[in-house]
Each structure stands twice: as C-alpha cells, then as structure tokens.
Amino acid sequence: MSVRVRFAPSPTGMLHVGNARTALITWLFARKHGGHFLLRIDDTDRERSKTEYETAIEDSLVWMGLGWDEKINQQHRLERYAERIEQLKADGRLYACYETPDELALKRKTQLSRGKPPIYDRAALELTDPQKAAYEAEGRAPHWRFKLEHTPIEWEDLIRGPVKFNGADLSDPVVIREDGSPLYHLCSVIDDADFRITHVVRGEDHVSNTAAHVQMFEALGATPPEFVHLPLISDSEGGKLSKRLGSLSIKDIRDTDGLEPMAVVSLLARLGTADPIEAYAEIEPLVESFDFSKFGRGTPKFDSAELLRLNAKIIHDTPFDDVTVRLAGLGLEDLDEPFWTTVRANLERLSDIKDWWHVANGPVEPLIDDPDFIAQAAALLPETPWTVNTWSEWAGAVKAQTGRKGKELFMPLRRALTGMDHGPELGDLLLLIGPDKARRRLQGQREAA
C-alpha cells in the first residue's frame, strides 16, 4: 500500500509549535515510506479564515523544509461536499435540528446536574413536518447532525494501541451550520476518502472525534485510514505551553527569535520519542530514523532552553560559506571567515554576531576597574605586526611584571578591551580588535560612534 498522508491546518492564525510538530511527524512518516504528502487548507470557516494566515502557514512549512506534493483548499470543494451531504441525507444519516445555542446549553446543564453525560438527546428526530415548518416560520434555520449508530467503534492506533468507543456514549456531531456551510468533521472525512489518505496523524484531543469519523467513513462507503494520535506537548513544567519564547508561532520563532529551522525540526522530531534529542544540520537522518513505535504516550515537554541549546550547536558547526548571504542580510558584508571562526562558538543565535562585530569594530566603552594594572599592561603591548603569538607574548610579559596570572590577569584585560565579561578566546579577539583600538581602549579612550 502506498502511503498517503495529509496535514490540514485552518488558516485562522499562525502555525504554532504543536501543529508544526504534527506537520513534521506526518511529513517524516511520508518521506520514510516514499509516500505522498498533501497540504489541505481547512478554510470552510469563512469569517475566520484569512489569506495572510494561509500564506504564513505555507511560509513556515517551507522554512522548516517541509515541502508538499499536492495542495487543496476546502473552499474549492464545496460542490463535492454538497453532493456527499445529499447522499447522507437520503440515507438517513443526517438530520435537521432546530435548537438554539441557549436551548442546547440548558439541556447540557440539566443533564450534568442529574449526573448524566451531556449527550444530545436526539429530540430533533421526533419532530413532525408541521413542527419543523413552524420553527422555520419563526426564522429558525436548522443545523444538521450526523446520526451515529449505537454500536462498538474500534481501531488500532499506531501510538495508543487498541481504542474502543461505543456509539451510544457519544453525541451526534453537528456537521452543517445554520447557514448551510459544512463543518470540519464531514469535510475532513470526505477529503480523506476522496484523496485516498492511508494514515491520519493528529493530536490526542481528537480521539473522540475519530470515533465519529470512523462511522462517517463507513456511511460514505469508504474504508477508514489508520489513525495516529500524538500526545499533546506541554511546557518544561508540564503545564500548558507558555509564551516565553516569542508567541511560539513558527513565524515568530523565525523572525523575532531568529532561530534556525533545523533547531526547531531537531527538537520537534524527537520530542516524545525514545531517541535522544540532538542537533541535526540536515533533515535526512531524521527521516531515516523515524518510526511510530518510538513514540510514547506520556506528555512530551517543550523546553525553550533546549531549543536554544540546539540552535547554538547548529550555529557552532555551520561553515562560513553557509552563512555568507545571511550575514550580508545583517549588514555585515565585510565579515570574513576568520571572524566567523573566532566568534561562532559564542553565538546562540546568528544575529548575536552583531554584538561581536561591535566589540571588534567599536565603539566600545572600556570597563577599567584597576587603572594602574591596565596602564602597566598597555605599556607592554607588543609591537606590530601582530600574529597568533601576540597574546601569549603579551600575557607572559604582563605576568612577569605584575605577578598576576589566570583570571586575575585576563579578566581585567577582557573588560578593558571588550567592555564584557565573557566571549571568545581573548587572543583571537585581540587580533580582530587590532593594535590601534586595543591601545585606545586600554587608555580608557571613548571611541567615536
């Protein structure tokens, strides 16, 4: 059987990490099996669906390296939905309901107060034609429900294992709004049947929906696909995902937080699996190692600190030739390979390189806590031209004259030369700063902006 999968976002907002994880896992599974990846835009909600969100979703997928083999929009398939809907009405599997939202809320409240589950009571099935006509004369338009059969519903989930429901324990789902527009449930099943989807990957919050969908497939004369329900991710404390790293939308992770796509992919691909989370520069190893059997049922924790760690590791291992265009985009066209090699191990994000460009080129406000020591060190600066041995020569001379060594020697020099307490090896930075700027900073001179 050829694997055919789909990712079906609604263009009602940006693509967030939870949905991005579903997209990635679906894509990895498809690519592992040489399958077909369908991007389906679920845009039947006309009021909330926006073209700009659809574009942002596509851009986010492309940024993550997740190309698709085919794309469809549900709004272009309304005639097909209407055709299948009429079939289901004729078969008695859809029925009109006239309750208002307030009336339904009262029913649910009453059921809960009696200790009963809030399941729709199917009162609409008892309505006579005159009663329906009277409701419509009042101006009520019906919504439509799918009539579930009160029989066992079972499937073998690729992560959860055997799953069992009974149709009698579920509410008949609403599948058509009062304005006649179809809702997610029925459209999704019709699409999955028409596009011969073999595996549906989604969050575990859809498990009860899947039970209803199984019967919808059967009512349409289609074989249900295999189902994979992923545990929802939480934050590092086990709670709902916070907003500490941007808004946790892929767009903001990319544009505002400035993270690398493979950092996001490396984390999301392994989150919740038995495999170690490691930084990958390419996606191919993640495709090769992918297997649903590695996923557990526990709640995986999305740790922003781990994402930043992966991001830093990827940058530290990135060759200069792979970042030249992006560095030019930061306004650093003259930055050369020696500079990149010197500072990249101190970068968490690529944009951090601007801080070290500033350290090398100024202006920098020297931090001089011990003027006498710095004056002694300045007097011992080696003559030009400077070489890779300049730092060791200078440090040796300063040590011999002052008796200082280790941190007591190099930290005051680092603060005076860079205005910072941390950074790349001071010997490497010294060559980037150069003799003229180094001498001025050791003398406490302010640099022109």
Protein backbone atom coordinates (compact mmCIF):
# COMPACT_ATOMS: atom_id res chain seq x y z
CA MET A 1 0.00 0.00 0.00
CA SER A 2 1.37 3.41 -0.97
CA VAL A 3 1.41 5.80 1.99
CA ARG A 4 -0.73 8.92 1.51
CA VAL A 5 -0.95 11.46 4.33
CA ARG A 6 -2.20 14.97 4.83
CA PHE A 7 -1.58 17.97 7.06
CA ALA A 8 -4.72 20.06 7.40
CA PRO A 9 -4.25 23.44 9.13
CA SER A 10 -7.00 26.03 9.43
CA PRO A 11 -5.87 29.48 8.23
CA THR A 12 -7.33 31.20 11.29
CA GLY A 13 -3.98 32.03 12.88
CA MET A 14 -0.26 31.40 12.68
CA LEU A 15 1.27 27.92 12.68
CA HIS A 16 2.28 27.14 16.26
CA VAL A 17 4.73 24.56 17.52
CA GLY A 18 2.06 21.99 18.39
CA ASN A 19 0.65 21.92 14.88
CA ALA A 20 4.13 22.26 13.40
CA ARG A 21 5.11 19.08 15.26
CA THR A 22 2.12 17.26 13.75
CA ALA A 23 3.09 18.50 10.28
CA LEU A 24 6.71 17.44 10.76
CA ILE A 25 5.88 13.96 12.06
CA THR A 26 3.38 13.42 9.24
CA TRP A 27 5.97 14.58 6.70
CA LEU A 28 8.75 12.40 8.16
CA PHE A 29 6.48 9.34 8.02
CA ALA A 30 5.57 10.06 4.40
CA ARG A 31 9.16 10.58 3.32
CA LYS A 32 10.37 7.49 5.22
CA HIS A 33 7.93 5.38 3.19
CA GLY A 34 8.24 7.22 -0.12
CA GLY A 35 4.68 8.46 0.31
CA HIS A 36 2.52 11.37 -0.80
CA PHE A 37 2.19 14.47 1.43
CA LEU A 38 -0.97 16.54 0.89
CA LEU A 39 -1.31 20.06 2.29
CA ARG A 40 -5.02 20.63 2.83
CA ILE A 41 -6.14 24.09 3.89
CA ASP A 42 -9.27 23.72 6.02
CA ASP A 43 -10.83 27.08 5.21
CA THR A 44 -14.58 26.40 5.39
CA ASP A 45 -14.85 28.93 8.26
CA ARG A 46 -15.33 31.94 6.00
CA GLU A 47 -15.32 34.54 8.77
CA ARG A 48 -12.08 33.50 10.48
CA SER A 49 -10.06 32.16 7.54
CA LYS A 50 -7.57 34.71 6.18
CA THR A 51 -5.33 34.59 3.12
CA GLU A 52 -2.47 36.09 5.10
CA TYR A 53 -2.62 33.22 7.59
CA GLU A 54 -2.62 30.68 4.77
CA THR A 55 0.48 32.33 3.30
CA ALA A 56 2.17 32.42 6.70
CA ILE A 57 1.44 28.71 7.25
CA GLU A 58 2.95 27.83 3.88
CA ASP A 59 5.99 30.03 4.53
CA SER A 60 6.51 28.36 7.91
CA LEU A 61 6.36 24.87 6.40
CA VAL A 62 8.82 25.84 3.66
CA TRP A 63 11.14 27.41 6.26
CA MET A 64 11.15 24.09 8.15
CA GLY A 65 11.95 22.23 4.92
CA LEU A 66 8.54 20.55 4.69
CA GLY A 67 7.53 20.70 1.04
CA TRP A 68 4.25 19.16 -0.13
CA ASP A 69 3.37 17.02 -3.12
CA GLU A 70 -0.13 18.45 -3.56
CA LYS A 71 -2.25 21.23 -2.11
CA ILE A 72 -6.01 21.74 -1.93
CA ASN A 73 -8.34 24.27 -0.31
CA GLN A 74 -11.60 23.05 1.15
CA GLN A 75 -13.44 26.15 -0.03
CA HIS A 76 -12.85 24.96 -3.60
CA ARG A 77 -14.58 21.64 -2.89
CA LEU A 78 -17.96 22.86 -1.66
CA GLU A 79 -19.81 21.27 -4.58
CA ARG A 80 -18.28 17.90 -3.73
CA TYR A 81 -19.29 18.26 -0.09
CA ALA A 82 -22.85 19.17 -1.11
CA GLU A 83 -23.03 16.07 -3.29
CA ARG A 84 -21.97 13.71 -0.49
CA ILE A 85 -24.17 15.54 2.02
CA GLU A 86 -27.27 14.94 -0.10
CA GLN A 87 -26.36 11.27 -0.25
CA LEU A 88 -26.11 11.07 3.55
CA LYS A 89 -29.41 12.90 3.97
CA ALA A 90 -31.08 10.44 1.60
CA ASP A 91 -29.57 7.56 3.59
CA GLY A 92 -30.97 8.96 6.83
CA ARG A 93 -27.55 9.61 8.38
CA LEU A 94 -28.01 13.40 8.62
CA TYR A 95 -30.95 15.02 10.40
CA ALA A 96 -32.09 18.60 10.91
CA CYS A 97 -32.08 20.16 14.41
CA TYR A 98 -33.70 23.44 15.43
CA GLU A 99 -32.49 24.06 18.99
CA THR A 100 -30.88 27.42 19.67
CA PRO A 101 -27.47 27.62 21.38
CA ASP A 102 -29.19 28.71 24.61
CA GLU A 103 -31.58 25.76 24.48
CA LEU A 104 -28.72 23.34 23.92
CA ALA A 105 -26.75 24.89 26.79
CA LEU A 106 -29.76 24.44 29.09
CA LYS A 107 -30.07 20.79 28.08
CA ARG A 108 -26.42 20.17 28.85
CA LYS A 109 -26.68 21.94 32.21
CA THR A 110 -29.73 19.86 33.16
CA GLN A 111 -28.03 16.60 32.19
CA LEU A 112 -24.90 17.45 34.17
CA SER A 113 -26.97 18.41 37.25
CA ARG A 114 -28.54 14.95 37.12
CA GLY A 115 -25.14 13.30 36.89
CA LYS A 116 -25.61 12.32 33.26
CA PRO A 117 -23.15 12.90 30.38
CA PRO A 118 -24.05 15.89 28.17
CA ILE A 119 -25.05 13.83 25.12
CA TYR A 120 -27.55 15.22 22.63
CA ASP A 121 -30.94 13.59 23.29
CA ARG A 122 -31.94 13.31 19.61
CA ALA A 123 -35.12 15.24 20.26
CA ALA A 124 -34.98 16.54 16.69
CA LEU A 125 -35.65 13.05 15.36
CA GLU A 126 -39.12 13.23 16.91
CA LEU A 127 -40.10 16.47 15.18
CA THR A 128 -43.00 16.30 12.77
CA ASP A 129 -43.06 18.15 9.47
CA PRO A 130 -45.55 20.72 10.83
CA GLN A 131 -43.26 21.34 13.84
CA LYS A 132 -40.29 21.86 11.55
CA ALA A 133 -42.33 24.22 9.40
CA ALA A 134 -43.34 26.17 12.50
CA TYR A 135 -39.72 26.57 13.57
CA GLU A 136 -38.77 27.79 10.13
CA ALA A 137 -41.69 30.22 10.14
CA GLU A 138 -40.16 31.68 13.31
CA GLY A 139 -37.00 32.29 11.31
CA ARG A 140 -35.03 29.36 12.68
CA ALA A 141 -32.65 27.69 10.26
CA PRO A 142 -31.64 24.13 11.10
CA HIS A 143 -28.20 22.82 11.86
CA TRP A 144 -27.56 19.22 10.88
CA ARG A 145 -26.17 16.33 12.90
CA PHE A 146 -24.64 13.04 11.84
CA LYS A 147 -26.61 10.13 13.29
CA LEU A 148 -24.22 7.73 14.96
CA GLU A 149 -25.03 4.06 15.13
CA HIS A 150 -25.12 2.80 18.70
CA THR A 151 -22.58 0.07 18.07
CA PRO A 152 -18.95 -0.51 19.14
CA ILE A 153 -16.30 1.60 17.37
CA GLU A 154 -12.79 0.17 17.42
CA TRP A 155 -9.43 0.78 15.76
CA GLU A 156 -5.76 0.00 16.34
CA ASP A 157 -3.98 3.30 16.91
CA LEU A 158 -0.31 3.33 15.91
CA ILE A 159 0.62 5.04 19.19
CA ARG A 160 -2.27 4.40 21.60
CA GLY A 161 -2.82 0.78 20.63
CA PRO A 162 -6.40 -0.62 20.74
CA VAL A 163 -9.03 2.12 21.08
CA LYS A 164 -12.69 1.36 21.80
CA PHE A 165 -15.79 3.54 21.95
CA ASN A 166 -19.48 2.85 21.91
CA GLY A 167 -21.63 4.97 19.63
CA ALA A 168 -24.26 5.25 22.37
CA ASP A 169 -21.77 7.12 24.58
CA LEU A 170 -21.17 9.85 22.01
CA SER A 171 -23.18 12.87 20.96
CA ASP A 172 -24.26 13.02 17.33
CA PRO A 173 -21.83 15.65 15.99
CA VAL A 174 -23.03 18.80 14.28
CA VAL A 175 -21.72 18.69 10.71
CA ILE A 176 -23.60 21.56 8.99
CA ARG A 177 -24.07 25.07 10.36
CA GLU A 178 -27.33 27.01 10.35
CA ASP A 179 -26.09 28.94 7.30
CA GLY A 180 -25.71 25.68 5.39
CA SER A 181 -21.89 25.60 5.43
CA PRO A 182 -20.31 22.24 6.29
CA LEU A 183 -18.13 21.85 9.35
CA TYR A 184 -14.71 20.28 9.79
CA HIS A 185 -15.81 16.75 10.65
CA LEU A 186 -17.68 15.83 7.49
CA CYS A 187 -15.47 17.79 5.10
CA SER A 188 -12.37 16.16 6.52
CA VAL A 189 -13.76 12.66 6.12
CA ILE A 190 -14.95 13.33 2.56
CA ASP A 191 -11.50 14.68 1.66
CA ASP A 192 -9.66 11.80 3.28
CA ALA A 193 -11.82 9.33 1.36
CA ASP A 194 -11.53 11.17 -1.97
CA PHE A 195 -7.74 11.62 -1.72
CA ARG A 196 -7.20 8.03 -0.56
CA ILE A 197 -5.47 9.05 2.67
CA THR A 198 -3.98 5.98 4.30
CA HIS A 199 -2.85 7.45 7.64
CA VAL A 200 -4.24 10.37 9.66
CA VAL A 201 -1.84 11.89 12.20
CA ARG A 202 -3.25 14.33 14.74
CA GLY A 203 -3.33 15.25 18.44
CA GLU A 204 -4.86 13.02 21.08
CA ASP A 205 -7.51 15.68 21.72
CA HIS A 206 -9.16 14.38 18.53
CA VAL A 207 -9.62 10.79 19.72
CA SER A 208 -13.37 11.10 20.34
CA ASN A 209 -13.76 12.92 17.01
CA THR A 210 -12.03 9.99 15.33
CA ALA A 211 -14.66 7.64 16.75
CA ALA A 212 -17.37 9.62 14.97
CA HIS A 213 -15.24 9.87 11.83
CA VAL A 214 -14.89 6.10 11.63
CA GLN A 215 -18.66 5.82 11.24
CA MET A 216 -18.70 8.67 8.72
CA PHE A 217 -16.20 6.81 6.53
CA GLU A 218 -18.37 3.74 6.70
CA ALA A 219 -21.52 5.74 5.90
CA LEU A 220 -19.75 7.08 2.79
CA GLY A 221 -18.78 3.57 1.73
CA ALA A 222 -15.07 4.22 2.40
CA THR A 223 -12.51 2.28 4.42
CA PRO A 224 -11.21 4.33 7.36
CA PRO A 225 -7.48 5.13 7.25
CA GLU A 226 -5.11 4.15 10.02
CA PHE A 227 -5.01 6.65 12.87
CA VAL A 228 -2.12 8.07 14.87
CA HIS A 229 -2.92 10.23 17.89
CA LEU A 230 0.05 12.14 19.27
CA PRO A 231 0.20 13.20 22.93
CA LEU A 232 -0.06 16.97 23.21
CA ILE A 233 3.12 18.78 24.21
CA SER A 234 3.46 20.84 27.39
CA ASP A 235 5.99 23.34 28.67
CA SER A 236 9.04 22.31 30.71
CA GLU A 237 6.98 22.34 33.94
CA GLY A 238 4.32 20.08 32.48
CA GLY A 239 1.73 22.84 32.05
CA LYS A 240 0.21 24.49 29.03
CA LEU A 241 2.78 25.94 26.64
CA SER A 242 3.78 29.42 27.75
CA LYS A 243 4.71 32.47 25.70
CA ARG A 244 8.28 32.74 26.98
CA LEU A 245 9.85 32.14 23.59
CA GLY A 246 8.07 34.64 21.36
CA SER A 247 4.47 33.56 20.84
CA LEU A 248 5.56 30.00 19.99
CA SER A 249 4.38 30.51 16.46
CA ILE A 250 6.84 29.33 13.85
CA LYS A 251 6.77 32.78 12.24
CA ASP A 252 7.89 34.46 15.46
CA ILE A 253 10.44 31.76 16.24
CA ARG A 254 11.89 32.50 12.82
CA ASP A 255 11.53 36.28 12.54
CA THR A 256 11.52 37.57 16.13
CA ASP A 257 13.58 34.96 17.96
CA GLY A 258 15.91 34.41 14.98
CA LEU A 259 16.26 30.67 15.42
CA GLU A 260 17.47 28.13 12.87
CA PRO A 261 14.86 25.91 11.17
CA MET A 262 16.83 22.75 11.90
CA ALA A 263 16.89 23.59 15.62
CA VAL A 264 13.10 23.53 15.61
CA VAL A 265 12.99 20.41 13.43
CA SER A 266 15.62 18.62 15.55
CA LEU A 267 13.61 19.21 18.73
CA LEU A 268 10.10 18.55 17.42
CA ALA A 269 11.09 15.39 15.51
CA ARG A 270 12.41 13.65 18.61
CA LEU A 271 10.10 15.12 21.25
CA GLY A 272 8.22 12.28 22.95
CA THR A 273 10.32 9.51 21.40
CA ALA A 274 12.88 7.08 22.78
CA ASP A 275 15.59 8.63 20.60
CA PRO A 276 17.96 11.27 22.04
CA ILE A 277 17.34 14.88 21.09
CA GLU A 278 20.35 16.05 19.12
CA ALA A 279 21.19 18.94 16.83
CA TYR A 280 20.95 17.99 13.15
CA ALA A 281 22.10 20.22 10.31
CA GLU A 282 20.13 18.19 7.75
CA ILE A 283 16.73 16.52 7.91
CA GLU A 284 17.68 13.25 6.17
CA PRO A 285 18.92 11.43 9.33
CA LEU A 286 15.59 12.21 10.99
CA VAL A 287 13.74 10.68 8.04
CA GLU A 288 15.87 7.55 8.15
CA SER A 289 15.41 7.01 11.90
CA PHE A 290 11.67 7.75 12.01
CA ASP A 291 9.32 5.13 13.42
CA PHE A 292 6.00 5.50 15.24
CA SER A 293 7.00 2.64 17.55
CA LYS A 294 9.47 5.04 19.21
CA PHE A 295 6.73 7.38 20.43
CA GLY A 296 5.43 7.03 23.98
CA ARG A 297 2.07 8.02 25.41
CA GLY A 298 3.47 10.37 28.03
CA THR A 299 3.21 14.13 27.66
CA PRO A 300 6.40 15.45 25.99
CA LYS A 301 7.79 18.70 27.38
CA PHE A 302 8.77 21.52 25.05
CA ASP A 303 11.74 23.23 26.67
CA SER A 304 12.69 26.62 25.25
CA ALA A 305 16.15 26.30 26.78
CA GLU A 306 16.73 23.07 24.92
CA LEU A 307 15.65 24.69 21.68
CA LEU A 308 18.18 27.44 22.21
CA ARG A 309 20.87 24.85 23.03
CA LEU A 310 20.18 23.03 19.77
CA ASN A 311 20.19 26.32 17.92
CA ALA A 312 23.59 27.25 19.32
CA LYS A 313 25.05 23.83 18.48
CA ILE A 314 23.89 24.09 14.87
CA ILE A 315 25.41 27.57 14.51
CA HIS A 316 28.69 26.45 16.09
CA ASP A 317 29.01 23.71 13.47
CA THR A 318 27.95 25.82 10.48
CA PRO A 319 30.64 26.53 7.86
CA PHE A 320 31.25 30.13 6.82
CA ASP A 321 30.13 29.50 3.23
CA ASP A 322 26.65 28.51 4.51
CA VAL A 323 26.04 31.85 6.24
CA THR A 324 27.66 34.45 3.98
CA VAL A 325 24.39 35.53 2.36
CA ARG A 326 22.60 35.74 5.69
CA LEU A 327 25.44 37.73 7.24
CA ALA A 328 25.19 40.20 4.38
CA GLY A 329 21.48 40.46 5.22
CA LEU A 330 22.51 41.57 8.70
CA GLY A 331 24.53 44.37 7.15
CA LEU A 332 27.86 42.59 7.74
CA GLU A 333 29.03 42.18 4.14
CA ASP A 334 32.71 42.62 5.04
CA LEU A 335 32.73 39.92 7.69
CA ASP A 336 35.29 37.29 6.74
CA GLU A 337 35.86 33.63 7.58
CA PRO A 338 38.44 34.22 10.35
CA PHE A 339 35.98 36.46 12.17
CA TRP A 340 33.22 33.82 11.83
CA THR A 341 35.53 31.06 13.03
CA THR A 342 36.57 33.14 16.03
CA VAL A 343 33.13 34.11 17.33
CA ARG A 344 30.68 31.40 16.21
CA ALA A 345 31.23 29.26 19.33
CA ASN A 346 29.85 32.18 21.37
CA LEU A 347 26.68 32.63 19.34
CA GLU A 348 23.28 31.41 20.50
CA ARG A 349 21.55 32.96 17.51
CA LEU A 350 23.10 34.09 14.24
CA SER A 351 22.10 37.68 14.96
CA ASP A 352 24.31 37.61 18.08
CA ILE A 353 27.27 38.04 15.75
CA LYS A 354 26.41 41.72 15.53
CA ASP A 355 27.45 42.07 19.20
CA TRP A 356 30.90 40.68 18.45
CA TRP A 357 31.19 42.78 15.30
CA HIS A 358 30.54 45.74 17.55
CA VAL A 359 33.20 44.53 20.02
CA ALA A 360 35.77 44.20 17.25
CA ASN A 361 34.95 47.42 15.44
CA GLY A 362 33.57 49.69 18.16
CA PRO A 363 32.52 51.84 19.63
CA VAL A 364 33.16 50.09 22.95
CA GLU A 365 33.13 51.68 26.38
CA PRO A 366 36.08 50.10 28.24
CA LEU A 367 35.43 48.75 31.74
CA ILE A 368 38.54 49.61 33.76
CA ASP A 369 38.40 48.66 37.43
CA ASP A 370 42.17 48.76 38.12
CA PRO A 371 43.70 51.66 36.15
CA ASP A 372 47.24 51.05 37.39
CA PHE A 373 47.25 47.42 36.25
CA ILE A 374 45.72 48.32 32.88
CA ALA A 375 48.28 51.10 32.40
CA GLN A 376 51.10 48.62 33.07
CA ALA A 377 49.59 46.16 30.60
CA ALA A 378 49.15 48.87 27.96
CA ALA A 379 52.79 49.77 28.19
CA LEU A 380 53.71 46.17 27.47
CA LEU A 381 51.60 45.79 24.30
CA PRO A 382 53.78 44.10 21.63
CA GLU A 383 54.84 45.99 18.57
CA THR A 384 53.14 45.40 15.24
CA PRO A 385 52.63 43.41 13.15
CA TRP A 386 50.55 41.20 15.45
CA THR A 387 50.44 37.45 14.94
CA VAL A 388 48.76 34.44 16.50
CA ASN A 389 51.53 34.53 19.13
CA THR A 390 50.90 38.14 20.18
CA TRP A 391 48.54 37.30 23.04
CA SER A 392 50.84 34.73 24.64
CA GLU A 393 53.78 37.12 24.33
CA TRP A 394 51.80 39.97 25.90
CA ALA A 395 50.27 37.86 28.66
CA GLY A 396 53.71 36.49 29.52
CA ALA A 397 55.20 39.97 29.76
CA VAL A 398 52.31 41.24 31.92
CA LYS A 399 52.58 38.21 34.21
CA ALA A 400 56.33 38.70 34.61
CA GLN A 401 55.99 42.37 35.53
CA THR A 402 52.85 42.31 37.68
CA GLY A 403 52.89 38.80 39.12
CA ARG A 404 49.29 38.27 38.08
CA LYS A 405 48.09 35.11 36.39
CA GLY A 406 44.91 33.31 35.38
CA LYS A 407 41.63 35.14 35.85
CA GLU A 408 43.26 37.97 37.79
CA LEU A 409 45.29 38.72 34.68
CA PHE A 410 42.97 38.16 31.74
CA MET A 411 39.59 39.30 33.15
CA PRO A 412 40.61 42.97 33.69
CA LEU A 413 42.14 42.93 30.21
CA ARG A 414 38.98 41.42 28.69
CA ARG A 415 36.77 44.04 30.37
CA ALA A 416 39.02 46.87 29.22
CA LEU A 417 39.30 45.62 25.64
CA THR A 418 35.72 44.45 25.05
CA GLY A 419 33.55 46.00 27.75
CA MET A 420 32.32 42.48 28.52
CA ASP A 421 32.99 39.66 30.99
CA HIS A 422 32.75 36.80 28.50
CA GLY A 423 33.41 35.92 24.90
CA PRO A 424 35.78 34.16 22.51
CA GLU A 425 39.39 33.47 23.39
CA LEU A 426 40.96 36.82 24.17
CA GLY A 427 43.96 36.06 21.96
CA ASP A 428 41.66 35.61 18.96
CA LEU A 429 39.64 38.72 19.82
CA LEU A 430 42.81 40.74 20.17
CA LEU A 431 43.65 40.15 16.50
CA LEU A 432 40.13 41.19 15.46
CA ILE A 433 40.31 44.39 17.53
CA GLY A 434 43.76 45.34 16.26
CA PRO A 435 46.59 47.32 17.89
CA ASP A 436 45.22 50.86 17.47
CA LYS A 437 41.80 50.19 19.01
CA ALA A 438 43.32 47.97 21.68
CA ARG A 439 45.72 50.71 22.78
CA ARG A 440 42.96 53.36 22.87
CA ARG A 441 40.67 51.11 24.93
CA LEU A 442 43.43 50.28 27.42
CA GLN A 443 43.93 54.02 27.79
CA GLY A 444 40.19 54.39 28.56
CA GLN A 445 39.52 56.49 25.49
CA ARG A 446 35.95 56.78 24.24
CA GLU A 447 35.50 55.64 20.64
CA ALA A 448 33.52 57.61 18.13
CA ALA A 449 30.23 56.01 17.10
